[in-house]
């Protein structure tokens, strides 16, 4: 009888303790640990810029996911300026030999700015024009916001870069990430064309989806919200569990209630406020 009572009590304690355990696990993936990860990545990116004596930084971007940007994991990718390989005046590529760093699942980073040009012509991706995100941009039910059923403004605002100059100072610099082969919208499906890229970081939607090459869509697709833009010096970190199920008005109010994360331009570290 005593053993039965003890087992019952232990079972009850376990059941009542589950919410606390879940809260503890979620706390491990909160804003604090994410900021620590970002701080460390910024220090590494700054060191790369100083060592290589060229512009370098980190790119925040969601991995390509057929379910869309809300469900996709977000990463930090180390990038470096390289005209010779990208063939772009503002072209950056992934730093070879350094794997992207995945942000904690519970949070994401957003810069609250979106592109103004969503054209399909190749010149559209060259346009760096942008504006602050609006309430309507965050509406997943508005067909004008969707391409292939995915909100292009969510893709856009979760894709941004922080760039250091060769002297190690955080600067505002035009950025357009591309594969290391310098190929515009590569497609490896046809062996008879020269539009091939084996870049395993930045590539095209078709290569990522169908040819299993690459993780992140490069900045050649303005219609998806991915093209040239200025680097940033601040962003916000949001709770995905709160943000994802919200409607557009709730999302807008929530994002603008968050405290912006700023970077010390000389030290390259997050400024504690």
Protein backbone atom coordinates (compact mmCIF):
# COMPACT_ATOMS: atom_id res chain seq x y z
CA UNK A 1 0.00 0.00 0.00
CA UNK A 2 2.80 2.43 0.95
CA UNK A 3 4.61 1.66 -2.31
CA UNK A 4 1.44 2.38 -4.32
CA UNK A 5 1.03 5.74 -2.56
CA UNK A 6 4.70 6.66 -3.20
CA UNK A 7 4.44 5.75 -6.90
CA UNK A 8 1.24 7.80 -7.21
CA UNK A 9 2.88 10.82 -5.57
CA UNK A 10 5.94 10.55 -7.84
CA UNK A 11 3.68 10.32 -10.88
CA UNK A 12 1.75 13.43 -9.80
CA UNK A 13 4.97 15.35 -9.20
CA UNK A 14 6.21 14.39 -12.65
CA UNK A 15 2.98 15.54 -14.32
CA UNK A 16 2.91 18.86 -12.47
CA UNK A 17 6.59 19.36 -13.10
CA UNK A 18 6.37 19.06 -16.90
CA UNK A 19 5.35 22.71 -17.49
CA UNK A 20 8.28 23.86 -15.37
CA UNK A 21 10.63 21.60 -17.32
CA UNK A 22 9.30 22.94 -20.62
CA UNK A 23 9.71 26.52 -19.35
CA UNK A 24 13.28 25.75 -18.33
CA UNK A 25 14.11 24.29 -21.75
CA UNK A 26 12.55 27.29 -23.50
CA UNK A 27 14.55 29.64 -21.28
CA UNK A 28 17.73 28.04 -22.60
CA UNK A 29 16.70 29.21 -26.07
CA UNK A 30 15.63 32.71 -25.03
CA UNK A 31 16.99 36.11 -26.08
CA UNK A 32 19.94 35.97 -23.67
CA UNK A 33 21.65 32.86 -25.09
CA UNK A 34 20.87 34.04 -28.64
CA UNK A 35 22.60 37.36 -27.96
CA UNK A 36 25.63 35.50 -26.60
CA UNK A 37 25.81 33.43 -29.80
CA UNK A 38 25.49 36.54 -31.96
CA UNK A 39 28.14 38.36 -29.94
CA UNK A 40 30.59 35.50 -30.46
CA UNK A 41 29.81 35.36 -34.20
CA UNK A 42 30.35 39.11 -34.53
CA UNK A 43 33.75 38.83 -32.88
CA UNK A 44 34.73 36.09 -35.32
CA UNK A 45 33.46 38.06 -38.33
CA UNK A 46 35.38 41.15 -37.20
CA UNK A 47 38.52 39.03 -36.87
CA UNK A 48 38.03 37.74 -40.43
CA UNK A 49 37.73 41.31 -41.75
CA UNK A 50 40.93 42.32 -39.96
CA UNK A 51 42.85 39.24 -41.05
CA UNK A 52 41.69 39.24 -44.68
CA UNK A 53 41.80 43.04 -44.94
CA UNK A 54 38.47 43.19 -46.72
CA UNK A 55 34.81 43.63 -45.86
CA UNK A 56 33.36 40.68 -43.95
CA UNK A 57 30.46 40.00 -41.63
CA UNK A 58 27.57 37.76 -40.75
CA UNK A 59 24.41 37.17 -42.74
CA UNK A 60 21.18 36.29 -40.92
CA UNK A 61 18.94 34.19 -43.15
CA UNK A 62 16.37 31.43 -42.99
CA UNK A 63 17.32 28.16 -44.64
CA UNK A 64 15.23 27.26 -47.67
CA UNK A 65 12.18 25.35 -46.46
CA UNK A 66 9.21 24.25 -48.57
CA UNK A 67 6.96 25.04 -45.59
CA UNK A 68 7.93 28.70 -45.72
CA UNK A 69 9.94 31.19 -43.65
CA UNK A 70 7.81 30.92 -40.51
CA UNK A 71 8.80 27.27 -40.03
CA UNK A 72 12.34 27.52 -41.39
CA UNK A 73 15.39 27.58 -39.14
CA UNK A 74 17.43 30.79 -39.11
CA UNK A 75 21.21 30.81 -39.31
CA UNK A 76 24.20 33.12 -39.14
CA UNK A 77 26.46 32.72 -42.17
CA UNK A 78 29.96 34.19 -42.28
CA UNK A 79 30.35 36.20 -45.48
CA UNK A 80 33.21 38.06 -47.14
CA UNK A 81 33.41 40.55 -50.00
CA UNK A 82 34.73 38.93 -53.18
CA UNK A 83 34.27 40.62 -56.55
CA UNK A 84 36.47 38.11 -58.36
CA UNK A 85 34.26 35.13 -57.48
CA UNK A 86 30.81 36.73 -57.34
CA UNK A 87 31.33 39.10 -60.32
CA UNK A 88 29.32 41.72 -58.41
CA UNK A 89 30.53 45.16 -57.31
CA UNK A 90 28.83 44.61 -53.94
CA UNK A 91 29.12 40.81 -54.03
CA UNK A 92 29.66 38.74 -50.91
CA UNK A 93 30.04 34.97 -50.65
CA UNK A 94 30.15 32.52 -47.78
CA UNK A 95 33.52 32.17 -46.07
CA UNK A 96 34.82 28.77 -47.12
CA UNK A 97 35.46 26.23 -44.38
CA UNK A 98 33.14 27.84 -41.80
CA UNK A 99 29.72 26.27 -41.34
CA UNK A 100 26.61 28.43 -40.76
CA UNK A 101 25.55 28.70 -37.12
CA UNK A 102 21.94 27.86 -36.33
CA UNK A 103 20.10 30.23 -34.00
CA UNK A 104 18.12 28.72 -31.10
CA UNK A 105 14.83 27.25 -32.38
CA UNK A 106 12.71 29.40 -30.06
CA UNK A 107 13.85 32.76 -31.40
CA UNK A 108 14.56 34.64 -34.60
CA UNK A 109 16.19 37.90 -35.70
CA UNK A 110 14.44 40.57 -37.80
CA UNK A 111 15.73 43.90 -39.12
CA UNK A 112 12.25 45.47 -39.71
CA UNK A 113 13.19 46.69 -43.22
CA UNK A 114 11.95 45.33 -46.56
CA UNK A 115 12.72 45.78 -50.24
CA UNK A 116 10.72 48.11 -52.48
CA UNK A 117 11.53 46.34 -55.77
CA UNK A 118 10.09 42.86 -56.31
CA UNK A 119 10.50 42.68 -60.06
CA UNK A 120 11.49 39.54 -61.94
CA UNK A 121 13.95 41.19 -64.35
CA UNK A 122 17.63 40.66 -63.50
CA UNK A 123 18.04 44.37 -62.77
CA UNK A 124 15.50 44.23 -59.93
CA UNK A 125 17.92 42.35 -57.66
CA UNK A 126 20.47 45.16 -58.10
CA UNK A 127 18.10 47.72 -56.57
CA UNK A 128 18.96 48.44 -52.91
CA UNK A 129 15.85 50.52 -52.21
CA UNK A 130 14.07 49.61 -48.96
CA UNK A 131 11.55 50.90 -46.43
CA UNK A 132 10.30 50.07 -42.91
CA UNK A 133 8.00 47.08 -42.69
CA UNK A 134 4.26 47.86 -42.44
CA UNK A 135 1.25 46.17 -40.88
CA UNK A 136 0.05 44.95 -44.28
CA UNK A 137 3.42 43.32 -45.05
CA UNK A 138 2.91 40.93 -42.13
CA UNK A 139 -0.45 39.62 -43.42
CA UNK A 140 -0.07 35.99 -44.54
CA UNK A 141 -3.59 36.01 -45.99
CA UNK A 142 -2.92 38.82 -48.48
CA UNK A 143 -2.19 37.32 -51.94
CA UNK A 144 -0.08 40.38 -52.79
CA UNK A 145 2.41 39.32 -50.11
CA UNK A 146 2.72 35.73 -51.27
CA UNK A 147 4.91 33.96 -53.81
CA UNK A 148 4.41 30.20 -53.95
CA UNK A 149 2.23 30.60 -50.86
CA UNK A 150 5.06 32.13 -48.81
CA UNK A 151 5.16 35.67 -47.39
CA UNK A 152 8.04 37.40 -49.16
CA UNK A 153 8.24 40.12 -46.51
CA UNK A 154 8.97 37.57 -43.77
CA UNK A 155 11.72 36.11 -45.97
CA UNK A 156 13.01 39.63 -46.63
CA UNK A 157 13.11 41.01 -43.09
CA UNK A 158 14.71 37.86 -41.66
CA UNK A 159 17.51 38.12 -44.27
CA UNK A 160 20.02 40.86 -43.46
CA UNK A 161 23.74 41.40 -42.91
CA UNK A 162 26.11 43.04 -40.43
CA UNK A 163 29.38 44.12 -42.07
CA UNK A 164 32.82 45.11 -40.79
CA UNK A 165 35.34 47.14 -42.77
CA UNK A 166 38.97 45.99 -43.23
CA UNK A 167 39.81 48.14 -40.19
CA UNK A 168 37.33 46.20 -38.04
CA UNK A 169 34.64 48.87 -37.79
CA UNK A 170 30.96 48.05 -38.23
CA UNK A 171 29.81 49.93 -41.34
CA UNK A 172 26.81 50.33 -43.60
CA UNK A 173 27.75 48.68 -46.90
CA UNK A 174 25.70 47.42 -49.84
CA UNK A 175 25.50 43.63 -49.77
CA UNK A 176 24.42 41.07 -52.34
CA UNK A 177 25.24 37.47 -51.49
CA UNK A 178 25.89 35.01 -54.27
CA UNK A 179 27.45 31.59 -54.82
CA UNK A 180 31.23 31.34 -55.00
CA UNK A 181 31.00 30.44 -58.72
CA UNK A 182 29.52 33.82 -59.64
CA UNK A 183 26.55 32.26 -61.45
CA UNK A 184 23.29 34.21 -61.72
CA UNK A 185 20.30 32.00 -60.83
CA UNK A 186 22.16 28.69 -61.29
CA UNK A 187 20.37 25.53 -62.40
CA UNK A 188 22.31 22.29 -62.46
CA UNK A 189 19.40 20.35 -64.00
CA UNK A 190 20.60 20.85 -67.56
CA UNK A 191 24.15 19.58 -68.15
CA UNK A 192 24.33 21.46 -71.46
CA UNK A 193 24.28 24.95 -69.92
CA UNK A 194 26.96 26.92 -68.11
CA UNK A 195 24.56 27.91 -65.31
CA UNK A 196 26.00 25.45 -62.78
CA UNK A 197 27.10 26.06 -59.21
CA UNK A 198 28.20 23.57 -56.59
CA UNK A 199 28.16 26.12 -53.77
CA UNK A 200 26.82 24.27 -50.72
CA UNK A 201 25.83 27.46 -48.86
CA UNK A 202 24.27 30.02 -51.24
CA UNK A 203 22.49 28.73 -54.31
CA UNK A 204 19.21 28.87 -56.26
CA UNK A 205 15.79 27.56 -55.16
CA UNK A 206 15.87 24.90 -57.90
CA UNK A 207 19.32 23.68 -56.92
CA UNK A 208 18.44 23.58 -53.23
CA UNK A 209 15.05 21.97 -53.73
CA UNK A 210 15.63 19.62 -56.67
CA UNK A 211 19.39 19.13 -56.88
CA UNK A 212 20.12 19.14 -53.12
CA UNK A 213 22.92 21.70 -53.46
CA UNK A 214 23.02 24.66 -51.07
CA UNK A 215 21.06 25.82 -48.01
CA UNK A 216 20.18 29.48 -48.58
CA UNK A 217 18.70 31.28 -51.58
CA UNK A 218 21.16 33.83 -52.96
CA UNK A 219 20.29 37.47 -53.67
CA UNK A 220 19.18 36.99 -57.28
CA UNK A 221 15.46 36.73 -56.55
CA UNK A 222 13.91 40.13 -55.85
CA UNK A 223 10.45 38.63 -56.32
CA UNK A 224 11.10 36.51 -53.20
CA UNK A 225 12.39 39.51 -51.25
CA UNK A 226 16.04 38.59 -51.79
CA UNK A 227 18.32 41.08 -53.51
CA UNK A 228 20.94 43.73 -52.83
CA UNK A 229 20.44 45.82 -49.70
CA UNK A 230 22.40 47.89 -47.23
CA UNK A 231 23.85 46.15 -44.21
CA UNK A 232 22.36 46.96 -40.79
CA UNK A 233 23.54 48.12 -37.39
CA UNK A 234 20.54 46.96 -35.36
CA UNK A 235 17.76 44.36 -35.28
CA UNK A 236 15.29 42.76 -32.86
CA UNK A 237 15.14 39.24 -31.47
CA UNK A 238 11.62 37.79 -31.37
CA UNK A 239 9.90 34.78 -29.82
CA UNK A 240 8.75 32.52 -32.65
CA UNK A 241 6.06 30.81 -30.55
CA UNK A 242 4.47 34.22 -29.95
CA UNK A 243 5.01 35.71 -33.39
CA UNK A 244 4.03 32.89 -35.75
CA UNK A 245 0.34 32.43 -34.76
CA UNK A 246 -0.37 36.17 -34.52
CA UNK A 247 -2.31 38.14 -37.11
CA UNK A 248 -0.59 40.98 -38.93
CA UNK A 249 -1.69 43.72 -36.51
CA UNK A 250 -0.54 41.72 -33.49
CA UNK A 251 2.77 40.93 -35.19
CA UNK A 252 3.43 44.57 -36.00
CA UNK A 253 2.66 45.74 -32.46
CA UNK A 254 4.72 42.91 -30.96
CA UNK A 255 7.81 43.56 -33.10
CA UNK A 256 7.73 47.29 -32.34
CA UNK A 257 7.43 46.59 -28.62
CA UNK A 258 10.78 44.80 -28.62
CA UNK A 259 14.00 46.51 -27.60
CA UNK A 260 16.36 46.85 -30.55
CA UNK A 261 19.77 45.18 -30.41
CA UNK A 262 22.53 47.62 -31.39
CA UNK A 263 26.17 46.86 -32.17
CA UNK A 264 29.11 48.90 -30.95
CA UNK A 265 30.70 49.98 -34.26
CA UNK A 266 34.25 49.97 -32.90
CA UNK A 267 34.24 46.93 -30.63
CA UNK A 268 31.83 44.87 -32.74
CA UNK A 269 29.91 43.72 -29.68
CA UNK A 270 26.27 44.03 -28.64
CA UNK A 271 25.59 47.20 -26.66
CA UNK A 272 23.93 46.37 -23.34
CA UNK A 273 21.05 48.72 -22.64
